[in-house]
Amino acid sequence: MKTRKRLYLGLLLGSLLLIALTIVLILILLKKDTMLSKIMLFSIAALLALLFLILGTGILTIILMIMRSKTIPSMEYLSRLANELLFPFTILVGRCIGIDQEKIQRSYIEVNNNLVESKKLNLSHRKLMILLPHCLQDADCPHKITMDIDNCKHCGKCCVSELISLGQKYNALVKVATGGTLARKFIEDYRPSAVIAVACERDLSQGIQDIGALPVYGVLNCRPNGPCFNTSVDIDQVEKALQMICTGG
């Protein structure tokens, strides 16, 4: 299900507005309290104003990079900081106005993917990783592929075999993780230049947040049997992501 980027961007701006309202409220309180309280409140207001300026610049950078389809290297840190600090607030604001959390997470992933595309990576000769959830494997399969993907027998009952073939085609390491801890270990051990991660909305958004500066392109899995059981993924989407990262297009 496609979710527009503007949802997450709008919630980012809404979160920034909350900071602005907090500053205004503190300034109002400054008129009524003792001198000591005024000094403390003024200090808090000044810090919040600085935070507002930094995060506002970060959000503006995100919007510009998406509109131009081109990254701004000197501003990437601020855009990442805005995402990391305000993402929890976007979920809170969305919940307060009745927006489903998964919808916000999908929009966040869409924004993140656009930012990855804007980098024009062109990593055909660099280390790439395809990171998969274990629920893609057929539940009745007796062959454990979590630690060694080569245990797959290519029977065709699930999409893992096709993903292994994609990894070979694009010279990308394919790993299957049972959770965030193992996924982070794979990344720390292999140190890829970029990751294409397949998962649900919650795990993808959390993983992108956890990994930080490393480019992570998220592809949502398909869940015809419900969450975490015999899931699948659009192979074409994964290949398009690989082509984009390998060629910079």
Protein backbone atom coordinates (compact mmCIF):
# COMPACT_ATOMS: atom_id res chain seq x y z
CA MET A 1 0.00 0.00 0.00
CA LYS A 2 1.49 3.31 -1.13
CA THR A 3 1.57 6.10 1.43
CA ARG A 4 2.38 9.67 0.49
CA LYS A 5 5.57 11.28 1.77
CA ARG A 6 3.64 14.40 2.69
CA LEU A 7 2.02 12.62 5.66
CA TYR A 8 5.31 12.15 7.50
CA LEU A 9 6.61 15.56 6.39
CA GLY A 10 3.42 17.18 7.66
CA LEU A 11 3.78 15.43 11.02
CA LEU A 12 7.41 16.57 11.21
CA LEU A 13 6.22 20.15 10.81
CA GLY A 14 3.46 19.51 13.36
CA SER A 15 6.04 18.27 15.86
CA LEU A 16 8.12 21.37 15.22
CA LEU A 17 5.01 23.49 15.86
CA LEU A 18 4.66 21.85 19.27
CA ILE A 19 8.15 23.02 20.15
CA ALA A 20 7.24 26.54 19.01
CA LEU A 21 4.08 26.51 21.16
CA THR A 22 6.12 25.33 24.14
CA ILE A 23 8.48 28.28 23.66
CA VAL A 24 5.52 30.69 23.50
CA LEU A 25 4.02 29.18 26.66
CA ILE A 26 7.32 29.58 28.53
CA LEU A 27 7.58 33.21 27.39
CA ILE A 28 4.08 33.84 28.74
CA LEU A 29 5.05 32.29 32.09
CA LEU A 30 8.13 34.51 32.24
CA LYS A 31 5.89 37.50 32.94
CA LYS A 32 4.40 36.00 36.08
CA ASP A 33 7.15 34.26 38.06
CA THR A 34 9.99 35.28 40.37
CA MET A 35 13.37 36.39 39.06
CA LEU A 36 14.97 32.98 39.69
CA SER A 37 12.12 31.21 37.91
CA LYS A 38 12.40 33.67 35.06
CA ILE A 39 16.10 32.91 34.63
CA MET A 40 15.42 29.17 34.57
CA LEU A 41 12.51 29.51 32.19
CA PHE A 42 14.47 31.85 29.93
CA SER A 43 17.32 29.32 29.76
CA ILE A 44 14.89 26.55 28.82
CA ALA A 45 13.21 28.78 26.24
CA ALA A 46 16.59 29.67 24.72
CA LEU A 47 17.58 26.00 24.44
CA LEU A 48 14.23 25.13 22.88
CA ALA A 49 14.59 28.03 20.44
CA LEU A 50 18.02 26.72 19.41
CA LEU A 51 16.56 23.23 19.02
CA PHE A 52 13.70 24.67 16.96
CA LEU A 53 16.19 26.37 14.63
CA ILE A 54 18.31 23.24 14.20
CA LEU A 55 15.36 20.89 13.63
CA GLY A 56 13.63 23.40 11.37
CA THR A 57 16.76 23.58 9.21
CA GLY A 58 16.89 19.77 9.17
CA ILE A 59 13.26 19.49 8.02
CA LEU A 60 13.79 22.13 5.34
CA THR A 61 16.84 20.18 4.14
CA ILE A 62 14.79 16.96 3.91
CA ILE A 63 12.14 18.72 1.83
CA LEU A 64 14.72 20.32 -0.48
CA MET A 65 16.58 17.04 -1.05
CA ILE A 66 13.34 15.25 -1.93
CA MET A 67 12.19 18.06 -4.25
CA ARG A 68 15.57 18.29 -6.01
CA SER A 69 16.27 14.51 -5.94
CA LYS A 70 19.75 15.51 -4.91
CA THR A 71 21.46 15.32 -1.55
CA ILE A 72 23.09 18.24 0.28
CA PRO A 73 26.14 16.58 1.88
CA SER A 74 26.91 19.42 4.28
CA MET A 75 23.35 19.27 5.66
CA GLU A 76 22.85 15.51 5.87
CA TYR A 77 23.65 15.41 9.58
CA LEU A 78 20.93 17.97 10.38
CA SER A 79 18.35 16.11 8.29
CA ARG A 80 19.24 12.85 10.05
CA LEU A 81 19.07 14.58 13.45
CA ALA A 82 15.61 15.96 12.67
CA ASN A 83 14.41 12.48 11.72
CA GLU A 84 15.91 10.81 14.76
CA LEU A 85 14.64 13.34 17.31
CA LEU A 86 11.21 14.03 15.85
CA PHE A 87 10.18 10.57 14.64
CA PRO A 88 8.73 9.57 18.07
CA PHE A 89 6.82 12.87 18.18
CA THR A 90 5.34 12.25 14.72
CA ILE A 91 3.92 8.96 16.02
CA LEU A 92 2.53 10.74 19.10
CA VAL A 93 1.03 13.60 17.09
CA GLY A 94 -0.43 11.15 14.59
CA ARG A 95 -1.98 9.07 17.37
CA CYS A 96 -3.55 12.20 18.89
CA ILE A 97 -5.27 13.05 15.61
CA GLY A 98 -6.27 9.47 14.80
CA ILE A 99 -3.70 8.46 12.18
CA ASP A 100 -2.72 4.79 12.16
CA GLN A 101 0.87 4.21 13.32
CA GLU A 102 1.69 1.84 10.45
CA LYS A 103 0.57 4.49 7.97
CA ILE A 104 3.00 6.99 9.51
CA GLN A 105 5.79 4.41 9.46
CA ARG A 106 5.12 3.67 5.78
CA SER A 107 5.31 7.37 4.99
CA TYR A 108 8.57 7.64 6.98
CA ILE A 109 10.06 4.71 5.02
CA GLU A 110 9.01 6.40 1.77
CA VAL A 111 10.74 9.62 2.83
CA ASN A 112 13.85 7.68 3.87
CA ASN A 113 13.97 5.85 0.53
CA ASN A 114 13.74 9.14 -1.34
CA LEU A 115 16.65 10.49 0.69
CA VAL A 116 18.69 7.37 -0.14
CA GLU A 117 17.85 7.81 -3.84
CA SER A 118 18.93 11.46 -3.66
CA LYS A 119 22.45 10.35 -2.72
CA LYS A 120 23.03 8.87 -6.23
CA LEU A 121 25.16 6.19 -4.61
CA ASN A 122 26.57 4.23 -7.61
CA LEU A 123 28.01 1.42 -5.44
CA SER A 124 28.41 -1.33 -8.04
CA HIS A 125 31.89 -2.18 -6.77
CA ARG A 126 31.22 -1.71 -3.07
CA LYS A 127 29.86 -4.01 -0.37
CA LEU A 128 26.08 -4.32 -0.48
CA MET A 129 23.81 -6.27 1.85
CA ILE A 130 20.27 -7.58 1.42
CA LEU A 131 18.86 -8.03 4.91
CA LEU A 132 15.81 -10.30 5.20
CA PRO A 133 13.42 -11.29 7.99
CA HIS A 134 13.26 -14.99 8.86
CA CYS A 135 9.48 -15.02 8.26
CA LEU A 136 10.12 -15.03 4.49
CA GLN A 137 11.19 -18.65 4.79
CA ASP A 138 8.44 -21.26 4.52
CA ALA A 139 7.35 -22.15 8.06
CA ASP A 140 7.58 -25.88 7.36
CA CYS A 141 11.10 -25.73 5.92
CA PRO A 142 13.51 -27.88 8.00
CA HIS A 143 16.64 -26.08 6.75
CA LYS A 144 17.86 -23.27 9.03
CA ILE A 145 19.06 -20.32 6.95
CA THR A 146 19.39 -17.69 9.68
CA MET A 147 23.14 -18.12 10.16
CA ASP A 148 23.94 -19.60 6.75
CA ILE A 149 21.85 -18.65 3.72
CA ASP A 150 23.57 -21.42 1.73
CA ASN A 151 21.45 -23.96 3.65
CA CYS A 152 18.58 -22.97 1.34
CA LYS A 153 17.76 -25.90 -1.00
CA HIS A 154 16.08 -23.68 -3.63
CA CYS A 155 12.86 -25.70 -3.57
CA GLY A 156 10.77 -22.68 -4.61
CA LYS A 157 8.26 -22.85 -1.76
CA CYS A 158 9.23 -19.34 -0.65
CA CYS A 159 10.93 -16.32 -2.20
CA VAL A 160 14.29 -16.81 -0.45
CA SER A 161 15.79 -18.65 -3.44
CA GLU A 162 14.94 -15.74 -5.78
CA LEU A 163 16.50 -13.28 -3.34
CA ILE A 164 19.68 -15.35 -3.18
CA SER A 165 19.81 -15.23 -6.99
CA LEU A 166 19.45 -11.44 -6.87
CA GLY A 167 22.29 -11.25 -4.39
CA GLN A 168 24.51 -13.25 -6.73
CA LYS A 169 23.49 -11.13 -9.72
CA TYR A 170 24.37 -7.85 -7.98
CA ASN A 171 27.25 -9.19 -5.86
CA ALA A 172 25.36 -8.48 -2.64
CA LEU A 173 25.57 -10.46 0.58
CA VAL A 174 22.18 -11.91 1.58
CA LYS A 175 21.53 -12.35 5.31
CA VAL A 176 18.47 -13.50 7.24
CA ALA A 177 17.91 -12.04 10.72
CA THR A 178 15.56 -13.09 13.49
CA GLY A 179 15.46 -9.60 14.95
CA GLY A 180 17.12 -6.21 15.31
CA THR A 181 20.03 -7.43 17.44
CA LEU A 182 21.16 -10.00 14.88
CA ALA A 183 20.59 -7.54 12.03
CA ARG A 184 22.88 -5.01 13.72
CA LYS A 185 25.50 -7.73 14.28
CA PHE A 186 25.49 -8.62 10.58
CA ILE A 187 25.99 -4.95 9.70
CA GLU A 188 28.77 -4.49 12.27
CA ASP A 189 30.58 -7.64 11.08
CA TYR A 190 30.24 -7.07 7.33
CA ARG A 191 30.32 -3.24 7.29
CA PRO A 192 28.38 -2.79 4.02
CA SER A 193 28.30 0.49 2.12
CA ALA A 194 24.50 0.24 1.82
CA VAL A 195 21.68 -2.07 2.89
CA ILE A 196 18.42 -3.10 1.28
CA ALA A 197 16.22 -4.23 4.15
CA VAL A 198 12.98 -6.19 3.87
CA ALA A 199 10.63 -6.13 6.86
CA CYS A 200 7.31 -4.87 8.22
CA GLU A 201 6.63 -1.19 8.93
CA ARG A 202 7.64 -1.37 12.59
CA ASP A 203 10.89 -3.25 12.10
CA LEU A 204 11.94 -1.24 9.06
CA SER A 205 11.33 2.17 10.63
CA GLN A 206 13.07 1.10 13.85
CA GLY A 207 15.98 -0.43 11.96
CA ILE A 208 16.50 2.67 9.82
CA GLN A 209 16.55 4.75 13.01
CA ASP A 210 19.01 2.43 14.75
CA ILE A 211 21.50 2.19 11.89
CA GLY A 212 21.90 5.94 11.52
CA ALA A 213 24.18 7.28 8.78
CA LEU A 214 24.41 4.05 6.76
CA PRO A 215 22.11 4.23 3.68
CA VAL A 216 19.25 1.77 4.22
CA TYR A 217 16.59 1.32 1.54
CA GLY A 218 13.44 -0.24 2.97
CA VAL A 219 11.15 -2.65 1.12
CA LEU A 220 7.96 -3.65 2.90
CA ASN A 221 7.12 -7.33 3.03
CA CYS A 222 3.76 -8.80 2.01
CA ARG A 223 1.76 -10.51 4.76
CA PRO A 224 -1.02 -12.63 3.21
CA ASN A 225 -1.03 -14.93 6.25
CA GLY A 226 -0.69 -12.22 8.88
CA PRO A 227 2.45 -10.82 10.53
CA CYS A 228 5.61 -12.91 10.96
CA PHE A 229 4.30 -16.04 9.20
CA ASN A 230 5.01 -17.12 5.63
CA THR A 231 5.47 -13.57 4.43
CA SER A 232 6.74 -12.60 0.98
CA VAL A 233 8.18 -9.61 -0.88
CA ASP A 234 7.91 -8.07 -4.32
CA ILE A 235 11.11 -9.29 -6.00
CA ASP A 236 10.89 -6.55 -8.63
CA GLN A 237 10.93 -3.90 -5.90
CA VAL A 238 14.06 -5.39 -4.38
CA GLU A 239 15.77 -5.52 -7.78
CA LYS A 240 14.83 -1.91 -8.57
CA ALA A 241 16.39 -0.88 -5.26
CA LEU A 242 19.56 -2.83 -6.12
CA GLN A 243 19.74 -1.21 -9.56
CA MET A 244 19.30 2.24 -8.06
CA ILE A 245 22.05 1.71 -5.48
CA CYS A 246 24.44 0.06 -7.94
CA THR A 247 24.05 2.60 -10.74
CA GLY A 248 23.13 5.79 -8.86
CA GLY A 249 20.00 6.07 -11.01
